[in-house]
Amino acid sequence: MTCSGTLHVDSKDFKSEGSFRREPDSPAVFHITFSKPFPQPPSILLSLTGFSGGGEAFRFRFEPINITEAGFDIQLSARRSWIDSLDISWLAMEG
């Protein structure tokens, strides 16, 4: 069994004006719910598929956390970078 999708994040997801900017100890978390639960927690693959932003050096990180049969969270943090928009594609597969 596999399930896939894309998370689109832009600056309005973080505050009313400006771009996303966070310290590493203050990440943003976005929840993904599978259309059908897996029999056990799946393996998750994340891929950056779109980006608009800048900064001194692009330093952002995204990773899957809290993986369950029903879904998972994507944790996003940025340092010394700003993000206007970001697309993260994901693939969940039985392990």
Protein backbone atom coordinates (compact mmCIF):
# COMPACT_ATOMS: atom_id res chain seq x y z
CA MET A 1 0.00 0.00 0.00
CA THR A 2 1.23 3.51 -0.82
CA CYS A 3 -0.18 7.00 -0.37
CA SER A 4 1.25 10.31 -1.60
CA GLY A 5 0.62 14.03 -1.67
CA THR A 6 2.15 17.50 -1.58
CA LEU A 7 2.21 20.01 1.25
CA HIS A 8 2.18 23.62 0.03
CA VAL A 9 3.34 26.18 2.57
CA ASP A 10 3.50 29.92 2.04
CA SER A 11 4.07 32.98 4.20
CA LYS A 12 0.38 33.33 5.11
CA ASP A 13 0.65 29.99 6.93
CA PHE A 14 2.96 31.66 9.45
CA LYS A 15 1.93 35.28 9.88
CA SER A 16 -0.14 37.96 8.17
CA GLU A 17 2.78 39.72 6.47
CA GLY A 18 6.29 38.83 5.44
CA SER A 19 8.03 35.52 5.07
CA PHE A 20 8.53 32.46 7.23
CA ARG A 21 11.53 32.83 9.51
CA ARG A 22 12.05 30.68 12.59
CA GLU A 23 14.81 29.68 14.91
CA PRO A 24 15.76 25.97 14.97
CA ASP A 25 14.24 25.57 18.44
CA SER A 26 10.87 26.89 17.19
CA PRO A 27 9.85 24.74 14.21
CA ALA A 28 6.49 24.80 12.45
CA VAL A 29 4.53 21.52 12.31
CA PHE A 30 1.99 20.52 9.64
CA HIS A 31 -0.21 17.45 10.00
CA ILE A 32 -0.87 15.00 7.16
CA THR A 33 -3.77 12.51 7.39
CA PHE A 34 -3.80 9.47 5.10
CA SER A 35 -6.91 8.82 3.02
CA LYS A 36 -6.88 5.24 4.35
CA PRO A 37 -4.99 4.06 7.45
CA PHE A 38 -2.02 1.73 7.05
CA PRO A 39 -1.95 -1.58 8.97
CA GLN A 40 1.22 -0.34 10.75
CA PRO A 41 3.17 2.95 10.69
CA PRO A 42 4.59 3.35 7.15
CA SER A 43 7.97 4.53 5.95
CA ILE A 44 7.86 8.19 4.85
CA LEU A 45 9.87 9.80 2.05
CA LEU A 46 9.92 13.61 1.76
CA SER A 47 11.18 15.61 -1.21
CA LEU A 48 11.49 19.35 -1.87
CA THR A 49 9.58 20.02 -5.10
CA GLY A 50 9.18 23.81 -5.02
CA PHE A 51 10.85 26.75 -3.27
CA SER A 52 10.78 30.54 -3.30
CA GLY A 53 12.85 32.49 -0.79
CA GLY A 54 16.36 33.57 0.06
CA GLY A 55 18.80 34.57 2.74
CA GLU A 56 22.51 34.48 3.51
CA ALA A 57 22.54 30.74 3.02
CA PHE A 58 19.55 28.49 2.48
CA ARG A 59 19.26 26.72 5.80
CA PHE A 60 15.99 25.00 6.31
CA ARG A 61 15.10 21.50 7.35
CA PHE A 62 12.02 19.36 7.04
CA GLU A 63 11.45 15.90 8.44
CA PRO A 64 8.61 13.49 9.18
CA ILE A 65 7.76 13.07 12.86
CA ASN A 66 4.98 11.42 14.90
CA ILE A 67 4.37 8.73 12.25
CA THR A 68 1.29 6.58 12.92
CA GLU A 69 -1.01 4.31 10.91
CA ALA A 70 -3.35 7.29 10.33
CA GLY A 71 -0.87 10.05 9.41
CA PHE A 72 2.24 11.99 10.35
CA ASP A 73 3.58 15.49 10.90
CA ILE A 74 6.07 17.43 8.81
CA GLN A 75 8.34 19.55 10.99
CA LEU A 76 9.84 22.57 9.22
CA SER A 77 12.55 24.85 10.59
CA ALA A 78 14.58 27.62 8.95
CA ARG A 79 17.67 29.47 10.07
CA ARG A 80 19.21 32.52 8.43
CA SER A 81 16.78 32.01 5.54
CA TRP A 82 13.36 33.30 4.60
CA ILE A 83 10.71 31.33 2.80
CA ASP A 84 7.93 32.82 0.68
CA SER A 85 6.62 29.42 -0.42
CA LEU A 86 7.65 25.81 -0.25
CA ASP A 87 6.30 22.56 -1.70
CA ILE A 88 7.15 19.28 0.01
CA SER A 89 6.03 16.10 -1.73
CA TRP A 90 5.60 13.02 0.42
CA LEU A 91 5.26 9.29 -0.14
CA ALA A 92 4.10 6.84 2.53
CA MET A 93 4.74 3.14 1.91
CA GLU A 94 4.38 -0.07 3.80
CA GLY A 95 7.71 -1.06 5.23
